[in-house]
Amino acid sequence: KMVLDLLTRMLKIEPAKVFRNIDRVANTVSASLPISIKMAQQEHWLRPGKKMILSGFGVGLSWGSALVEEI
């Protein structure tokens, strides 16, 4: 939650545009991004042409981010 809040502030993204599910699935480590994408699809957050920033942060200060467009 802390990292997501920080990224939201640093990237100046409106909080209402940030998909969050940590309250429902907790920290699922490396499965967090695929689980979040599937849940976002089921909840109709995603639609053709919508851009998403995917960002993961893990053990040993490992991290990665990607900007993707829903097709």
N, C-alpha and C. Protein backbone atom coordinates (compact mmCIF):
# COMPACT_ATOMS: atom_id res chain seq x y z
N LYS A 1 0.83 -1.19 0.00
CA LYS A 1 0.00 0.00 0.00
C LYS A 1 0.87 1.25 0.00
N MET A 2 1.95 1.23 0.79
CA MET A 2 2.81 2.42 0.87
C MET A 2 3.46 2.73 -0.48
N VAL A 3 3.93 1.70 -1.18
CA VAL A 3 4.57 1.91 -2.47
C VAL A 3 3.56 2.41 -3.49
N LEU A 4 2.36 1.84 -3.49
CA LEU A 4 1.32 2.28 -4.42
C LEU A 4 0.92 3.72 -4.15
N ASP A 5 0.79 4.08 -2.89
CA ASP A 5 0.47 5.48 -2.54
C ASP A 5 1.57 6.42 -3.00
N LEU A 6 2.82 6.03 -2.81
CA LEU A 6 3.95 6.86 -3.22
C LEU A 6 3.98 7.03 -4.74
N LEU A 7 3.81 5.94 -5.48
CA LEU A 7 3.79 6.03 -6.94
C LEU A 7 2.64 6.91 -7.43
N THR A 8 1.49 6.77 -6.82
CA THR A 8 0.34 7.59 -7.20
C THR A 8 0.65 9.07 -7.03
N ARG A 9 1.27 9.42 -5.91
CA ARG A 9 1.63 10.83 -5.67
C ARG A 9 2.72 11.31 -6.62
N MET A 10 3.78 10.50 -6.78
CA MET A 10 4.91 10.92 -7.61
C MET A 10 4.52 11.07 -9.09
N LEU A 11 3.63 10.20 -9.57
CA LEU A 11 3.20 10.27 -10.96
C LEU A 11 2.01 11.21 -11.16
N LYS A 12 1.55 11.79 -10.05
CA LYS A 12 0.43 12.74 -10.09
C LYS A 12 -0.80 12.14 -10.76
N ILE A 13 -1.11 10.91 -10.33
CA ILE A 13 -2.28 10.20 -10.83
C ILE A 13 -3.43 10.40 -9.85
N GLU A 14 -4.59 10.68 -10.37
CA GLU A 14 -5.78 10.82 -9.53
C GLU A 14 -6.05 9.49 -8.82
N PRO A 15 -6.12 9.47 -7.49
CA PRO A 15 -6.30 8.20 -6.75
C PRO A 15 -7.49 7.37 -7.23
N ALA A 16 -8.55 7.99 -7.71
CA ALA A 16 -9.71 7.25 -8.19
C ALA A 16 -9.39 6.43 -9.44
N LYS A 17 -8.28 6.72 -10.11
CA LYS A 17 -7.89 6.00 -11.31
C LYS A 17 -6.95 4.83 -11.02
N VAL A 18 -6.64 4.62 -9.75
CA VAL A 18 -5.71 3.57 -9.35
C VAL A 18 -6.49 2.35 -8.86
N PHE A 19 -6.30 1.22 -9.55
CA PHE A 19 -6.96 -0.02 -9.14
C PHE A 19 -6.24 -0.58 -7.92
N ARG A 20 -7.00 -0.88 -6.89
CA ARG A 20 -6.44 -1.42 -5.65
C ARG A 20 -7.23 -2.66 -5.25
N ASN A 21 -6.50 -3.69 -4.84
CA ASN A 21 -7.17 -4.89 -4.37
C ASN A 21 -6.47 -5.50 -3.15
N ILE A 22 -5.51 -4.81 -2.60
CA ILE A 22 -4.74 -5.35 -1.48
C ILE A 22 -5.62 -5.67 -0.27
N ASP A 23 -6.71 -4.94 -0.13
CA ASP A 23 -7.63 -5.20 0.98
C ASP A 23 -8.39 -6.51 0.79
N ARG A 24 -8.45 -7.01 -0.45
CA ARG A 24 -9.18 -8.25 -0.74
C ARG A 24 -8.27 -9.47 -0.89
N VAL A 25 -7.05 -9.27 -1.36
CA VAL A 25 -6.17 -10.42 -1.61
C VAL A 25 -4.85 -10.35 -0.83
N ALA A 26 -4.62 -9.28 -0.11
CA ALA A 26 -3.38 -9.06 0.65
C ALA A 26 -2.19 -9.02 -0.31
N ASN A 27 -1.01 -9.30 0.19
CA ASN A 27 0.19 -9.27 -0.62
C ASN A 27 0.41 -10.66 -1.20
N THR A 28 0.24 -10.80 -2.50
CA THR A 28 0.38 -12.10 -3.16
C THR A 28 1.70 -12.22 -3.90
N VAL A 29 2.67 -11.42 -3.53
CA VAL A 29 4.05 -11.43 -4.04
C VAL A 29 4.05 -11.37 -5.56
N SER A 30 4.70 -12.32 -6.24
CA SER A 30 4.85 -12.24 -7.69
C SER A 30 3.54 -12.44 -8.45
N ALA A 31 2.52 -12.96 -7.80
CA ALA A 31 1.23 -13.15 -8.46
C ALA A 31 0.36 -11.90 -8.40
N SER A 32 0.81 -10.86 -7.72
CA SER A 32 -0.01 -9.65 -7.53
C SER A 32 -0.46 -9.01 -8.83
N LEU A 33 0.45 -8.86 -9.80
CA LEU A 33 0.07 -8.20 -11.05
C LEU A 33 -0.92 -9.02 -11.86
N PRO A 34 -0.69 -10.32 -12.10
CA PRO A 34 -1.71 -11.07 -12.86
C PRO A 34 -3.07 -11.13 -12.16
N ILE A 35 -3.06 -11.26 -10.84
CA ILE A 35 -4.32 -11.27 -10.10
C ILE A 35 -5.03 -9.93 -10.25
N SER A 36 -4.28 -8.85 -10.13
CA SER A 36 -4.86 -7.51 -10.26
C SER A 36 -5.43 -7.26 -11.65
N ILE A 37 -4.71 -7.70 -12.68
CA ILE A 37 -5.20 -7.52 -14.04
C ILE A 37 -6.52 -8.28 -14.23
N LYS A 38 -6.57 -9.51 -13.77
CA LYS A 38 -7.79 -10.31 -13.91
C LYS A 38 -8.95 -9.67 -13.15
N MET A 39 -8.69 -9.22 -11.92
CA MET A 39 -9.75 -8.57 -11.14
C MET A 39 -10.20 -7.27 -11.80
N ALA A 40 -9.27 -6.50 -12.35
CA ALA A 40 -9.62 -5.25 -13.03
C ALA A 40 -10.49 -5.54 -14.25
N GLN A 41 -10.20 -6.63 -14.97
CA GLN A 41 -11.04 -7.02 -16.10
C GLN A 41 -12.44 -7.38 -15.62
N GLN A 42 -12.52 -8.19 -14.58
CA GLN A 42 -13.82 -8.63 -14.06
C GLN A 42 -14.65 -7.46 -13.55
N GLU A 43 -13.99 -6.43 -13.04
CA GLU A 43 -14.69 -5.26 -12.49
C GLU A 43 -14.84 -4.14 -13.52
N HIS A 44 -14.55 -4.44 -14.79
CA HIS A 44 -14.73 -3.52 -15.92
C HIS A 44 -13.90 -2.24 -15.81
N TRP A 45 -12.71 -2.36 -15.23
CA TRP A 45 -11.79 -1.23 -15.20
C TRP A 45 -11.06 -1.08 -16.53
N LEU A 46 -10.94 -2.17 -17.25
CA LEU A 46 -10.16 -2.18 -18.49
C LEU A 46 -11.08 -2.13 -19.70
N ARG A 47 -10.63 -1.40 -20.70
CA ARG A 47 -11.37 -1.36 -21.97
C ARG A 47 -10.36 -1.07 -23.08
N PRO A 48 -10.70 -1.39 -24.32
CA PRO A 48 -9.76 -1.21 -25.43
C PRO A 48 -9.19 0.21 -25.48
N GLY A 49 -7.88 0.28 -25.66
CA GLY A 49 -7.19 1.56 -25.77
C GLY A 49 -6.78 2.19 -24.45
N LYS A 50 -7.23 1.63 -23.33
CA LYS A 50 -6.88 2.19 -22.03
C LYS A 50 -5.44 1.83 -21.69
N LYS A 51 -4.69 2.81 -21.23
CA LYS A 51 -3.30 2.58 -20.85
C LYS A 51 -3.22 2.24 -19.36
N MET A 52 -2.27 1.34 -19.04
CA MET A 52 -2.07 0.94 -17.65
C MET A 52 -0.59 1.02 -17.32
N ILE A 53 -0.30 1.43 -16.11
CA ILE A 53 1.07 1.34 -15.60
C ILE A 53 1.06 0.16 -14.63
N LEU A 54 1.90 -0.83 -14.92
CA LEU A 54 2.05 -1.98 -14.05
C LEU A 54 3.36 -1.81 -13.31
N SER A 55 3.33 -1.92 -12.01
CA SER A 55 4.54 -1.74 -11.22
C SER A 55 4.58 -2.75 -10.09
N GLY A 56 5.72 -3.43 -9.97
CA GLY A 56 5.89 -4.42 -8.91
C GLY A 56 7.15 -4.14 -8.11
N PHE A 57 7.08 -4.40 -6.83
CA PHE A 57 8.20 -4.17 -5.92
C PHE A 57 8.30 -5.39 -5.02
N GLY A 58 9.50 -5.95 -4.89
CA GLY A 58 9.60 -7.19 -4.14
C GLY A 58 10.82 -7.29 -3.25
N VAL A 59 11.06 -8.50 -2.84
CA VAL A 59 12.15 -8.83 -1.91
C VAL A 59 13.50 -8.45 -2.52
N GLY A 60 14.40 -8.00 -1.69
CA GLY A 60 15.74 -7.65 -2.16
C GLY A 60 15.77 -6.39 -2.99
N LEU A 61 14.79 -5.55 -2.81
CA LEU A 61 14.65 -4.30 -3.55
C LEU A 61 14.52 -4.54 -5.06
N SER A 62 13.97 -5.67 -5.44
CA SER A 62 13.71 -5.92 -6.86
C SER A 62 12.45 -5.16 -7.26
N TRP A 63 12.44 -4.64 -8.47
CA TRP A 63 11.29 -3.88 -8.92
C TRP A 63 11.22 -3.89 -10.44
N GLY A 64 10.07 -3.57 -10.95
CA GLY A 64 9.88 -3.46 -12.39
C GLY A 64 8.59 -2.73 -12.68
N SER A 65 8.56 -2.04 -13.81
CA SER A 65 7.37 -1.29 -14.22
C SER A 65 7.23 -1.38 -15.73
N ALA A 66 6.00 -1.27 -16.19
CA ALA A 66 5.73 -1.28 -17.62
C ALA A 66 4.48 -0.45 -17.89
N LEU A 67 4.50 0.25 -19.01
CA LEU A 67 3.33 0.97 -19.49
C LEU A 67 2.75 0.12 -20.62
N VAL A 68 1.51 -0.32 -20.47
CA VAL A 68 0.88 -1.17 -21.48
C VAL A 68 -0.46 -0.58 -21.89
N GLU A 69 -0.90 -0.94 -23.09
CA GLU A 69 -2.18 -0.47 -23.59
C GLU A 69 -3.10 -1.66 -23.81
N GLU A 70 -4.29 -1.60 -23.25
CA GLU A 70 -5.28 -2.68 -23.40
C GLU A 70 -5.74 -2.72 -24.85
N ILE A 71 -5.74 -3.91 -25.43
CA ILE A 71 -6.19 -4.05 -26.82
C ILE A 71 -7.43 -4.91 -26.89
